[in-house]
């Protein structure tokens, strides 16, 4: 399963915008995403800052995408719709694997001599 995740905090432009302008901006973002084939919104939510080692971001959104091309299209649509103007965001793109496969990949990371 391919995912695109955004971790974000509203930017100053969002705080300074009126509620009407915020609604218009969010509507434009939603319309841009809904027009994309191979992209499914899994949801948006506030990040629980009380979780151990939580990120400094305050919100997140996740989308399932049907591969790299829809993921590229989603990131381009977010850019074109003004996402990065309104939000100070970090983009994450990944293909989830069974944990045993991920563990094998982590163990195979080259060791650097002189470290633990």
PDB file of N, CA and C in Angstrom:
ATOM      1  N   UNK A   1       0.839  -1.164   0.000  1.00  0.00           N
ATOM      2  CA  UNK A   1       0.000   0.000   0.000  1.00  0.00           C
ATOM      3  C   UNK A   1       0.892   1.238   0.000  1.00  0.00           C
ATOM      4  N   UNK A   2       0.650   2.127  -0.928  1.00  0.00           N
ATOM      5  CA  UNK A   2       1.387   3.392  -1.032  1.00  0.00           C
ATOM      6  C   UNK A   2       0.618   4.474  -0.276  1.00  0.00           C
ATOM      7  N   UNK A   3       1.336   5.281   0.490  1.00  0.00           N
ATOM      8  CA  UNK A   3       0.729   6.367   1.248  1.00  0.00           C
ATOM      9  C   UNK A   3       1.464   7.673   0.998  1.00  0.00           C
ATOM     10  N   UNK A   4       0.721   8.762   1.045  1.00  0.00           N
ATOM     11  CA  UNK A   4       1.280  10.104   1.132  1.00  0.00           C
ATOM     12  C   UNK A   4       0.702  10.689   2.414  1.00  0.00           C
ATOM     13  N   UNK A   5       1.584  11.200   3.255  1.00  0.00           N
ATOM     14  CA  UNK A   5       1.189  11.766   4.543  1.00  0.00           C
ATOM     15  C   UNK A   5       1.737  13.181   4.622  1.00  0.00           C
ATOM     16  N   UNK A   6       0.923  14.074   5.111  1.00  0.00           N
ATOM     17  CA  UNK A   6       1.352  15.435   5.385  1.00  0.00           C
ATOM     18  C   UNK A   6       1.256  15.662   6.886  1.00  0.00           C
ATOM     19  N   UNK A   7       2.326  16.138   7.492  1.00  0.00           N
ATOM     20  CA  UNK A   7       2.330  16.606   8.871  1.00  0.00           C
ATOM     21  C   UNK A   7       2.457  18.115   8.778  1.00  0.00           C
ATOM     22  N   UNK A   8       1.554  18.860   9.419  1.00  0.00           N
ATOM     23  CA  UNK A   8       1.605  20.300   9.233  1.00  0.00           C
ATOM     24  C   UNK A   8       1.135  21.076  10.455  1.00  0.00           C
ATOM     25  N   UNK A   9       1.529  22.338  10.431  1.00  0.00           N
ATOM     26  CA  UNK A   9       1.067  23.353  11.358  1.00  0.00           C
ATOM     27  C   UNK A   9       0.614  24.529  10.491  1.00  0.00           C
ATOM     28  N   UNK A  10      -0.521  25.148  10.810  1.00  0.00           N
ATOM     29  CA  UNK A  10      -0.915  26.305  10.012  1.00  0.00           C
ATOM     30  C   UNK A  10       0.194  27.357   9.980  1.00  0.00           C
ATOM     31  N   UNK A  11       0.417  27.916   8.798  1.00  0.00           N
ATOM     32  CA  UNK A  11       1.406  28.978   8.618  1.00  0.00           C
ATOM     33  C   UNK A  11       0.785  30.318   9.019  1.00  0.00           C
ATOM     34  N   UNK A  12       1.602  31.337   9.139  1.00  0.00           N
ATOM     35  CA  UNK A  12       1.110  32.660   9.523  1.00  0.00           C
ATOM     36  C   UNK A  12       0.024  33.139   8.562  1.00  0.00           C
ATOM     37  N   UNK A  13       0.160  32.840   7.273  1.00  0.00           N
ATOM     38  CA  UNK A  13      -0.863  33.255   6.305  1.00  0.00           C
ATOM     39  C   UNK A  13      -2.230  32.687   6.669  1.00  0.00           C
ATOM     40  N   UNK A  14      -2.268  31.464   7.187  1.00  0.00           N
ATOM     41  CA  UNK A  14      -3.540  30.855   7.589  1.00  0.00           C
ATOM     42  C   UNK A  14      -4.102  31.558   8.824  1.00  0.00           C
ATOM     43  N   UNK A  15      -3.236  31.841   9.808  1.00  0.00           N
ATOM     44  CA  UNK A  15      -3.692  32.529  11.017  1.00  0.00           C
ATOM     45  C   UNK A  15      -4.226  33.915  10.693  1.00  0.00           C
ATOM     46  N   UNK A  16      -3.609  34.578   9.718  1.00  0.00           N
ATOM     47  CA  UNK A  16      -4.015  35.941   9.362  1.00  0.00           C
ATOM     48  C   UNK A  16      -5.248  35.976   8.461  1.00  0.00           C
ATOM     49  N   UNK A  17      -5.588  34.872   7.833  1.00  0.00           N
ATOM     50  CA  UNK A  17      -6.732  34.836   6.920  1.00  0.00           C
ATOM     51  C   UNK A  17      -8.048  34.812   7.693  1.00  0.00           C
ATOM     52  N   UNK A  18      -9.057  35.426   7.099  1.00  0.00           N
ATOM     53  CA  UNK A  18     -10.386  35.399   7.710  1.00  0.00           C
ATOM     54  C   UNK A  18     -10.952  33.979   7.633  1.00  0.00           C
ATOM     55  N   UNK A  19     -11.941  33.657   8.454  1.00  0.00           N
ATOM     56  CA  UNK A  19     -12.568  32.334   8.351  1.00  0.00           C
ATOM     57  C   UNK A  19     -13.100  32.046   6.938  1.00  0.00           C
ATOM     58  N   UNK A  20     -13.629  33.053   6.252  1.00  0.00           N
ATOM     59  CA  UNK A  20     -14.124  32.853   4.889  1.00  0.00           C
ATOM     60  C   UNK A  20     -12.978  32.496   3.950  1.00  0.00           C
ATOM     61  N   UNK A  21     -11.862  33.206   4.050  1.00  0.00           N
ATOM     62  CA  UNK A  21     -10.704  32.920   3.196  1.00  0.00           C
ATOM     63  C   UNK A  21     -10.137  31.536   3.504  1.00  0.00           C
ATOM     64  N   UNK A  22     -10.116  31.148   4.780  1.00  0.00           N
ATOM     65  CA  UNK A  22      -9.661  29.804   5.151  1.00  0.00           C
ATOM     66  C   UNK A  22     -10.541  28.741   4.514  1.00  0.00           C
ATOM     67  N   UNK A  23     -11.854  28.948   4.583  1.00  0.00           N
ATOM     68  CA  UNK A  23     -12.798  27.984   3.992  1.00  0.00           C
ATOM     69  C   UNK A  23     -12.596  27.893   2.484  1.00  0.00           C
ATOM     70  N   UNK A  24     -12.377  29.016   1.827  1.00  0.00           N
ATOM     71  CA  UNK A  24     -12.128  29.016   0.380  1.00  0.00           C
ATOM     72  C   UNK A  24     -10.848  28.251   0.056  1.00  0.00           C
ATOM     73  N   UNK A  25      -9.797  28.497   0.828  1.00  0.00           N
ATOM     74  CA  UNK A  25      -8.516  27.819   0.588  1.00  0.00           C
ATOM     75  C   UNK A  25      -8.653  26.315   0.778  1.00  0.00           C
ATOM     76  N   UNK A  26      -9.316  25.905   1.852  1.00  0.00           N
ATOM     77  CA  UNK A  26      -9.510  24.472   2.089  1.00  0.00           C
ATOM     78  C   UNK A  26     -10.389  23.844   1.015  1.00  0.00           C
ATOM     79  N   UNK A  27     -11.388  24.574   0.552  1.00  0.00           N
ATOM     80  CA  UNK A  27     -12.237  24.078  -0.536  1.00  0.00           C
ATOM     81  C   UNK A  27     -11.436  23.871  -1.809  1.00  0.00           C
ATOM     82  N   UNK A  28     -10.552  24.805  -2.123  1.00  0.00           N
ATOM     83  CA  UNK A  28      -9.697  24.675  -3.313  1.00  0.00           C
ATOM     84  C   UNK A  28      -8.784  23.455  -3.195  1.00  0.00           C
ATOM     85  N   UNK A  29      -8.230  23.247  -2.017  1.00  0.00           N
ATOM     86  CA  UNK A  29      -7.367  22.083  -1.790  1.00  0.00           C
ATOM     87  C   UNK A  29      -8.159  20.798  -1.957  1.00  0.00           C
ATOM     88  N   UNK A  30      -9.342  20.727  -1.344  1.00  0.00           N
ATOM     89  CA  UNK A  30     -10.165  19.511  -1.461  1.00  0.00           C
ATOM     90  C   UNK A  30     -10.560  19.239  -2.908  1.00  0.00           C
ATOM     91  N   UNK A  31     -10.950  20.272  -3.645  1.00  0.00           N
ATOM     92  CA  UNK A  31     -11.333  20.077  -5.055  1.00  0.00           C
ATOM     93  C   UNK A  31     -10.158  19.567  -5.879  1.00  0.00           C
ATOM     94  N   UNK A  32      -8.971  20.081  -5.620  1.00  0.00           N
ATOM     95  CA  UNK A  32      -7.778  19.639  -6.362  1.00  0.00           C
ATOM     96  C   UNK A  32      -7.498  18.162  -6.096  1.00  0.00           C
ATOM     97  N   UNK A  33      -7.665  17.735  -4.861  1.00  0.00           N
ATOM     98  CA  UNK A  33      -7.393  16.342  -4.496  1.00  0.00           C
ATOM     99  C   UNK A  33      -8.471  15.413  -5.054  1.00  0.00           C
ATOM    100  N   UNK A  34      -9.731  15.816  -4.934  1.00  0.00           N
ATOM    101  CA  UNK A  34     -10.845  14.975  -5.389  1.00  0.00           C
ATOM    102  C   UNK A  34     -10.794  14.704  -6.887  1.00  0.00           C
ATOM    103  N   UNK A  35     -10.159  15.579  -7.641  1.00  0.00           N
ATOM    104  CA  UNK A  35     -10.081  15.424  -9.096  1.00  0.00           C
ATOM    105  C   UNK A  35      -9.034  14.397  -9.519  1.00  0.00           C
ATOM    106  N   UNK A  36      -8.241  13.903  -8.577  1.00  0.00           N
ATOM    107  CA  UNK A  36      -7.130  13.018  -8.924  1.00  0.00           C
ATOM    108  C   UNK A  36      -7.548  11.553  -8.927  1.00  0.00           C
ATOM    109  N   UNK A  37      -7.291  10.844 -10.029  1.00  0.00           N
ATOM    110  CA  UNK A  37      -7.543   9.395 -10.017  1.00  0.00           C
ATOM    111  C   UNK A  37      -6.466   8.684  -9.203  1.00  0.00           C
ATOM    112  N   UNK A  38      -6.855   7.603  -8.545  1.00  0.00           N
ATOM    113  CA  UNK A  38      -5.887   6.796  -7.806  1.00  0.00           C
ATOM    114  C   UNK A  38      -5.472   7.375  -6.470  1.00  0.00           C
ATOM    115  N   UNK A  39      -6.264   8.319  -5.939  1.00  0.00           N
ATOM    116  CA  UNK A  39      -5.968   8.946  -4.646  1.00  0.00           C
ATOM    117  C   UNK A  39      -7.204   8.833  -3.762  1.00  0.00           C
ATOM    118  N   UNK A  40      -7.029   8.277  -2.564  1.00  0.00           N
ATOM    119  CA  UNK A  40      -8.132   8.133  -1.614  1.00  0.00           C
ATOM    120  C   UNK A  40      -7.723   8.773  -0.287  1.00  0.00           C
ATOM    121  N   UNK A  41      -8.522   9.721   0.181  1.00  0.00           N
ATOM    122  CA  UNK A  41      -8.250  10.341   1.474  1.00  0.00           C
ATOM    123  C   UNK A  41      -8.592   9.347   2.578  1.00  0.00           C
ATOM    124  N   UNK A  42      -7.623   9.100   3.455  1.00  0.00           N
ATOM    125  CA  UNK A  42      -7.857   8.242   4.614  1.00  0.00           C
ATOM    126  C   UNK A  42      -8.295   9.057   5.821  1.00  0.00           C
ATOM    127  N   UNK A  43      -8.060  10.355   5.791  1.00  0.00           N
ATOM    128  CA  UNK A  43      -8.522  11.228   6.855  1.00  0.00           C
ATOM    129  C   UNK A  43      -7.509  12.276   7.252  1.00  0.00           C
ATOM    130  N   UNK A  44      -8.018  13.262   7.982  1.00  0.00           N
ATOM    131  CA  UNK A  44      -7.221  14.345   8.543  1.00  0.00           C
ATOM    132  C   UNK A  44      -7.463  14.347  10.045  1.00  0.00           C
ATOM    133  N   UNK A  45      -6.493  14.792  10.830  1.00  0.00           N
ATOM    134  CA  UNK A  45      -6.727  14.869  12.262  1.00  0.00           C
ATOM    135  C   UNK A  45      -5.675  15.681  12.986  1.00  0.00           C
ATOM    136  N   UNK A  46      -6.058  16.139  14.180  1.00  0.00           N
ATOM    137  CA  UNK A  46      -5.116  16.840  15.052  1.00  0.00           C
ATOM    138  C   UNK A  46      -4.160  15.813  15.651  1.00  0.00           C
ATOM    139  N   UNK A  47      -2.895  16.194  15.771  1.00  0.00           N
ATOM    140  CA  UNK A  47      -1.867  15.315  16.331  1.00  0.00           C
ATOM    141  C   UNK A  47      -1.896  15.426  17.851  1.00  0.00           C
ATOM    142  N   UNK A  48      -1.847  14.297  18.518  1.00  0.00           N
ATOM    143  CA  UNK A  48      -1.827  14.243  19.973  1.00  0.00           C
ATOM    144  C   UNK A  48      -0.419  14.591  20.465  1.00  0.00           C
ATOM    145  N   UNK A  49      -0.238  15.827  20.906  1.00  0.00           N
ATOM    146  CA  UNK A  49       1.081  16.295  21.334  1.00  0.00           C
ATOM    147  C   UNK A  49       1.553  15.618  22.615  1.00  0.00           C
ATOM    148  N   UNK A  50       0.642  14.929  23.330  1.00  0.00           N
ATOM    149  CA  UNK A  50       1.051  14.272  24.569  1.00  0.00           C
ATOM    150  C   UNK A  50       1.691  12.903  24.327  1.00  0.00           C
ATOM    151  N   UNK A  51       1.680  12.429  23.086  1.00  0.00           N
ATOM    152  CA  UNK A  51       2.321  11.150  22.772  1.00  0.00           C
ATOM    153  C   UNK A  51       3.831  11.281  22.949  1.00  0.00           C
ATOM    154  N   UNK A  52       4.485  10.256  23.484  1.00  0.00           N
ATOM    155  CA  UNK A  52       5.939  10.338  23.653  1.00  0.00           C
ATOM    156  C   UNK A  52       6.641  10.638  22.323  1.00  0.00           C
ATOM    157  N   UNK A  53       7.591  11.550  22.352  1.00  0.00           N
ATOM    158  CA  UNK A  53       8.376  11.942  21.171  1.00  0.00           C
ATOM    159  C   UNK A  53       7.526  12.451  20.017  1.00  0.00           C
ATOM    160  N   UNK A  54       6.423  13.098  20.326  1.00  0.00           N
ATOM    161  CA  UNK A  54       5.528  13.624  19.295  1.00  0.00           C
ATOM    162  C   UNK A  54       6.248  14.658  18.440  1.00  0.00           C
ATOM    163  N   UNK A  55       5.771  14.800  17.215  1.00  0.00           N
ATOM    164  CA  UNK A  55       6.298  15.810  16.307  1.00  0.00           C
ATOM    165  C   UNK A  55       5.884  17.205  16.767  1.00  0.00           C
ATOM    166  N   UNK A  56       6.544  18.206  16.281  1.00  0.00           N
ATOM    167  CA  UNK A  56       6.155  19.584  16.559  1.00  0.00           C
ATOM    168  C   UNK A  56       4.980  20.036  15.709  1.00  0.00           C
ATOM    169  N   UNK A  57       4.603  19.237  14.732  1.00  0.00           N
ATOM    170  CA  UNK A  57       3.454  19.573  13.879  1.00  0.00           C
ATOM    171  C   UNK A  57       2.168  19.342  14.661  1.00  0.00           C
ATOM    172  N   UNK A  58       1.102  20.034  14.275  1.00  0.00           N
ATOM    173  CA  UNK A  58      -0.146  19.951  15.032  1.00  0.00           C
ATOM    174  C   UNK A  58      -1.269  19.203  14.311  1.00  0.00           C
ATOM    175  N   UNK A  59      -1.122  18.973  13.024  1.00  0.00           N
ATOM    176  CA  UNK A  59      -2.153  18.295  12.225  1.00  0.00           C
ATOM    177  C   UNK A  59      -1.508  17.285  11.291  1.00  0.00           C
ATOM    178  N   UNK A  60      -2.309  16.343  10.802  1.00  0.00           N
ATOM    179  CA  UNK A  60      -1.821  15.388   9.804  1.00  0.00           C
ATOM    180  C   UNK A  60      -2.967  14.987   8.890  1.00  0.00           C
ATOM    181  N   UNK A  61      -2.578  14.533   7.706  1.00  0.00           N
ATOM    182  CA  UNK A  61      -3.528  13.970   6.733  1.00  0.00           C
ATOM    183  C   UNK A  61      -2.832  12.795   6.062  1.00  0.00           C
ATOM    184  N   UNK A  62      -3.629  11.802   5.692  1.00  0.00           N
ATOM    185  CA  UNK A  62      -3.067  10.628   5.025  1.00  0.00           C
ATOM    186  C   UNK A  62      -3.940  10.267   3.828  1.00  0.00           C
ATOM    187  N   UNK A  63      -3.266   9.903   2.726  1.00  0.00           N
ATOM    188  CA  UNK A  63      -3.948   9.463   1.511  1.00  0.00           C
ATOM    189  C   UNK A  63      -3.339   8.150   1.050  1.00  0.00           C
ATOM    190  N   UNK A  64      -4.174   7.239   0.602  1.00  0.00           N
ATOM    191  CA  UNK A  64      -3.712   6.025  -0.068  1.00  0.00           C
ATOM    192  C   UNK A  64      -3.639   6.382  -1.544  1.00  0.00           C
ATOM    193  N   UNK A  65      -2.509   6.035  -2.170  1.00  0.00           N
ATOM    194  CA  UNK A  65      -2.334   6.315  -3.594  1.00  0.00           C
ATOM    195  C   UNK A  65      -1.994   5.019  -4.316  1.00  0.00           C
ATOM    196  N   UNK A  66      -2.406   4.934  -5.569  1.00  0.00           N
ATOM    197  CA  UNK A  66      -2.191   3.727  -6.374  1.00  0.00           C
ATOM    198  C   UNK A  66      -0.813   3.716  -7.031  1.00  0.00           C
ATOM    199  N   UNK A  67       0.237   4.033  -6.290  1.00  0.00           N
ATOM    200  CA  UNK A  67       1.592   3.988  -6.839  1.00  0.00           C
ATOM    201  C   UNK A  67       2.260   5.347  -6.837  1.00  0.00           C
ATOM    202  N   UNK A  68       3.447   5.379  -7.453  1.00  0.00           N
ATOM    203  CA  UNK A  68       4.258   6.598  -7.443  1.00  0.00           C
ATOM    204  C   UNK A  68       3.640   7.733  -8.245  1.00  0.00           C
ATOM    205  N   UNK A  69       3.085   7.438  -9.431  1.00  0.00           N
ATOM    206  CA  UNK A  69       2.534   8.509 -10.271  1.00  0.00           C
ATOM    207  C   UNK A  69       1.373   9.229  -9.597  1.00  0.00           C
ATOM    208  N   UNK A  70       0.393   8.509  -9.007  1.00  0.00           N
ATOM    209  CA  UNK A  70      -0.654   9.235  -8.277  1.00  0.00           C
ATOM    210  C   UNK A  70      -0.099  10.000  -7.074  1.00  0.00           C
ATOM    211  N   UNK A  71       0.944   9.467  -6.430  1.00  0.00           N
ATOM    212  CA  UNK A  71       1.578  10.185  -5.324  1.00  0.00           C
ATOM    213  C   UNK A  71       2.220  11.477  -5.797  1.00  0.00           C
ATOM    214  N   UNK A  72       2.922  11.410  -6.929  1.00  0.00           N
ATOM    215  CA  UNK A  72       3.506  12.617  -7.528  1.00  0.00           C
ATOM    216  C   UNK A  72       2.413  13.624  -7.879  1.00  0.00           C
ATOM    217  N   UNK A  73       1.323  13.125  -8.457  1.00  0.00           N
ATOM    218  CA  UNK A  73       0.211  14.001  -8.844  1.00  0.00           C
ATOM    219  C   UNK A  73      -0.414  14.663  -7.620  1.00  0.00           C
ATOM    220  N   UNK A  74      -0.555  13.916  -6.536  1.00  0.00           N
ATOM    221  CA  UNK A  74      -1.107  14.483  -5.304  1.00  0.00           C
ATOM    222  C   UNK A  74      -0.209  15.586  -4.766  1.00  0.00           C
ATOM    223  N   UNK A  75       1.087  15.334  -4.688  1.00  0.00           N
ATOM    224  CA  UNK A  75       2.000  16.356  -4.178  1.00  0.00           C
ATOM    225  C   UNK A  75       2.007  17.591  -5.074  1.00  0.00           C
ATOM    226  N   UNK A  76       1.933  17.398  -6.382  1.00  0.00           N
ATOM    227  CA  UNK A  76       1.871  18.529  -7.314  1.00  0.00           C
ATOM    228  C   UNK A  76       0.562  19.302  -7.146  1.00  0.00           C
ATOM    229  N   UNK A  77      -0.545  18.581  -6.946  1.00  0.00           N
ATOM    230  CA  UNK A  77      -1.844  19.237  -6.747  1.00  0.00           C
ATOM    231  C   UNK A  77      -1.862  20.035  -5.445  1.00  0.00           C
ATOM    232  N   UNK A  78      -1.269  19.483  -4.396  1.00  0.00           N
ATOM    233  CA  UNK A  78      -1.178  20.217  -3.131  1.00  0.00           C
ATOM    234  C   UNK A  78      -0.387  21.510  -3.324  1.00  0.00           C
ATOM    235  N   UNK A  79       0.728  21.403  -4.025  1.00  0.00           N
ATOM    236  CA  UNK A  79       1.556  22.581  -4.306  1.00  0.00           C
ATOM    237  C   UNK A  79       0.759  23.626  -5.089  1.00  0.00           C
ATOM    238  N   UNK A  80       0.101  23.191  -6.165  1.00  0.00           N
ATOM    239  CA  UNK A  80      -0.638  24.117  -7.031  1.00  0.00           C
ATOM    240  C   UNK A  80      -1.830  24.746  -6.309  1.00  0.00           C
ATOM    241  N   UNK A  81      -2.436  24.016  -5.381  1.00  0.00           N
ATOM    242  CA  UNK A  81      -3.611  24.524  -4.666  1.00  0.00           C
ATOM    243  C   UNK A  81      -3.238  25.429  -3.492  1.00  0.00           C
ATOM    244  N   UNK A  82      -1.947  25.608  -3.239  1.00  0.00           N
ATOM    245  CA  UNK A  82      -1.527  26.524  -2.194  1.00  0.00           C
ATOM    246  C   UNK A  82      -1.286  25.904  -0.828  1.00  0.00           C
ATOM    247  N   UNK A  83      -1.264  24.574  -0.756  1.00  0.00           N
ATOM    248  CA  UNK A  83      -1.064  23.878   0.522  1.00  0.00           C
ATOM    249  C   UNK A  83       0.134  24.427   1.297  1.00  0.00           C
ATOM    250  N   UNK A  84       1.259  24.581   0.608  1.00  0.00           N
ATOM    251  CA  UNK A  84       2.491  24.984   1.284  1.00  0.00           C
ATOM    252  C   UNK A  84       2.543  26.486   1.574  1.00  0.00           C
ATOM    253  N   UNK A  85       1.585  27.233   1.053  1.00  0.00           N
ATOM    254  CA  UNK A  85       1.417  28.640   1.438  1.00  0.00           C
ATOM    255  C   UNK A  85       0.672  28.719   2.772  1.00  0.00           C
ATOM    256  N   UNK A  86      -0.345  27.877   2.900  1.00  0.00           N
ATOM    257  CA  UNK A  86      -1.202  27.910   4.085  1.00  0.00           C
ATOM    258  C   UNK A  86      -0.647  27.113   5.264  1.00  0.00           C
ATOM    259  N   UNK A  87       0.183  26.098   4.965  1.00  0.00           N
ATOM    260  CA  UNK A  87       0.655  25.194   6.018  1.00  0.00           C
ATOM    261  C   UNK A  87       2.162  25.008   5.946  1.00  0.00           C
ATOM    262  N   UNK A  88       2.798  25.014   7.102  1.00  0.00           N
ATOM    263  CA  UNK A  88       4.209  24.651   7.236  1.00  0.00           C
ATOM    264  C   UNK A  88       4.200  23.131   7.354  1.00  0.00           C
ATOM    265  N   UNK A  89       4.526  22.450   6.266  1.00  0.00           N
ATOM    266  CA  UNK A  89       4.266  21.014   6.170  1.00  0.00           C
ATOM    267  C   UNK A  89       5.509  20.191   5.878  1.00  0.00           C
ATOM    268  N   UNK A  90       5.438  18.959   6.328  1.00  0.00           N
ATOM    269  CA  UNK A  90       6.432  17.943   6.008  1.00  0.00           C
ATOM    270  C   UNK A  90       5.721  16.862   5.207  1.00  0.00           C
ATOM    271  N   UNK A  91       6.272  16.499   4.065  1.00  0.00           N
ATOM    272  CA  UNK A  91       5.685  15.458   3.216  1.00  0.00           C
ATOM    273  C   UNK A  91       6.355  14.122   3.501  1.00  0.00           C
ATOM    274  N   UNK A  92       5.543  13.086   3.569  1.00  0.00           N
ATOM    275  CA  UNK A  92       6.037  11.722   3.734  1.00  0.00           C
ATOM    276  C   UNK A  92       5.387  10.882   2.635  1.00  0.00           C
ATOM    277  N   UNK A  93       6.216  10.146   1.916  1.00  0.00           N
ATOM    278  CA  UNK A  93       5.686   9.220   0.911  1.00  0.00           C
ATOM    279  C   UNK A  93       6.339   7.874   1.186  1.00  0.00           C
ATOM    280  N   UNK A  94       5.530   6.810   1.225  1.00  0.00           N
ATOM    281  CA  UNK A  94       6.065   5.498   1.548  1.00  0.00           C
ATOM    282  C   UNK A  94       5.229   4.400   0.918  1.00  0.00           C
ATOM    283  N   UNK A  95       5.830   3.238   0.833  1.00  0.00           N
ATOM    284  CA  UNK A  95       5.101   2.026   0.486  1.00  0.00           C
ATOM    285  C   UNK A  95       5.207   1.125   1.707  1.00  0.00           C
ATOM    286  N   UNK A  96       4.057   0.861   2.328  1.00  0.00           N
ATOM    287  CA  UNK A  96       4.066   0.018   3.514  1.00  0.00           C
ATOM    288  C   UNK A  96       4.371  -1.418   3.134  1.00  0.00           C
ATOM    289  N   UNK A  97       5.147  -2.078   3.994  1.00  0.00           N
ATOM    290  CA  UNK A  97       5.514  -3.479   3.808  1.00  0.00           C
ATOM    291  C   UNK A  97       5.197  -4.213   5.100  1.00  0.00           C
ATOM    292  N   UNK A  98       5.037  -5.525   5.030  1.00  0.00           N
ATOM    293  CA  UNK A  98       4.884  -6.269   6.280  1.00  0.00           C
ATOM    294  C   UNK A  98       6.069  -5.967   7.197  1.00  0.00           C
ATOM    295  N   UNK A  99       5.823  -5.906   8.499  1.00  0.00           N
ATOM    296  CA  UNK A  99       6.876  -5.482   9.426  1.00  0.00           C
ATOM    297  C   UNK A  99       8.127  -6.346   9.325  1.00  0.00           C
ATOM    298  N   UNK A 100       7.970  -7.643   9.037  1.00  0.00           N
ATOM    299  CA  UNK A 100       9.148  -8.501   8.927  1.00  0.00           C
ATOM    300  C   UNK A 100      10.041  -8.045   7.773  1.00  0.00           C
ATOM    301  N   UNK A 101       9.464  -7.618   6.661  1.00  0.00           N
ATOM    302  CA  UNK A 101      10.253  -7.117   5.537  1.00  0.00           C
ATOM    303  C   UNK A 101      10.935  -5.799   5.886  1.00  0.00           C
ATOM    304  N   UNK A 102      10.237  -4.938   6.589  1.00  0.00           N
ATOM    305  CA  UNK A 102      10.818  -3.665   6.993  1.00  0.00           C
ATOM    306  C   UNK A 102      11.966  -3.889   7.977  1.00  0.00           C
ATOM    307  N   UNK A 103      11.784  -4.827   8.885  1.00  0.00           N
ATOM    308  CA  UNK A 103      12.847  -5.125   9.843  1.00  0.00           C
ATOM    309  C   UNK A 103      14.101  -5.628   9.133  1.00  0.00           C
ATOM    310  N   UNK A 104      13.933  -6.460   8.129  1.00  0.00           N
ATOM    311  CA  UNK A 104      15.082  -6.955   7.364  1.00  0.00           C
ATOM    312  C   UNK A 104      15.819  -5.802   6.692  1.00  0.00           C
ATOM    313  N   UNK A 105      15.070  -4.850   6.144  1.00  0.00           N
ATOM    314  CA  UNK A 105      15.686  -3.702   5.486  1.00  0.00           C
ATOM    315  C   UNK A 105      16.424  -2.827   6.499  1.00  0.00           C
ATOM    316  N   UNK A 106      15.848  -2.659   7.673  1.00  0.00           N
ATOM    317  CA  UNK A 106      16.517  -1.861   8.709  1.00  0.00           C
ATOM    318  C   UNK A 106      17.803  -2.523   9.181  1.00  0.00           C
ATOM    319  N   UNK A 107      17.754  -3.835   9.383  1.00  0.00           N
ATOM    320  CA  UNK A 107      18.937  -4.563   9.836  1.00  0.00           C
ATOM    321  C   UNK A 107      20.044  -4.500   8.782  1.00  0.00           C
ATOM    322  N   UNK A 108      19.665  -4.438   7.507  1.00  0.00           N
ATOM    323  CA  UNK A 108      20.639  -4.438   6.415  1.00  0.00           C
ATOM    324  C   UNK A 108      21.287  -3.067   6.169  1.00  0.00           C
ATOM    325  N   UNK A 109      20.855  -2.025   6.887  1.00  0.00           N
ATOM    326  CA  UNK A 109      21.498  -0.716   6.722  1.00  0.00           C
ATOM    327  C   UNK A 109      22.968  -0.873   7.068  1.00  0.00           C
ATOM    328  N   UNK A 110      23.873  -0.361   6.220  1.00  0.00           N
ATOM    329  CA  UNK A 110      25.307  -0.539   6.470  1.00  0.00           C
ATOM    330  C   UNK A 110      25.736   0.012   7.828  1.00  0.00           C
ATOM    331  N   UNK A 111      26.577  -0.765   8.488  1.00  0.00           N
ATOM    332  CA  UNK A 111      27.145  -0.355   9.784  1.00  0.00           C
ATOM    333  C   UNK A 111      28.301   0.602   9.536  1.00  0.00           C
ATOM    334  N   UNK A 112      28.417   1.624  10.360  1.00  0.00           N
ATOM    335  CA  UNK A 112      29.522   2.572  10.271  1.00  0.00           C
ATOM    336  C   UNK A 112      30.524   2.218  11.351  1.00  0.00           C
ATOM    337  N   UNK A 113      31.734   1.907  10.941  1.00  0.00           N
ATOM    338  CA  UNK A 113      32.800   1.522  11.887  1.00  0.00           C
ATOM    339  C   UNK A 113      33.004   2.619  12.923  1.00  0.00           C
ATOM    340  N   UNK A 114      33.278   2.202  14.146  1.00  0.00           N
ATOM    341  CA  UNK A 114      33.535   3.144  15.214  1.00  0.00           C
ATOM    342  C   UNK A 114      32.268   3.572  15.948  1.00  0.00           C
ATOM    343  N   UNK A 115      31.115   3.018  15.554  1.00  0.00           N
ATOM    344  CA  UNK A 115      29.876   3.323  16.258  1.00  0.00           C
ATOM    345  C   UNK A 115      29.446   2.075  17.018  1.00  0.00           C
ATOM    346  N   UNK A 116      28.473   2.225  17.863  1.00  0.00           N
ATOM    347  CA  UNK A 116      28.001   1.078  18.647  1.00  0.00           C
ATOM    348  C   UNK A 116      27.417   0.032  17.806  1.00  0.00           C
TER     349      UNK A 116
END
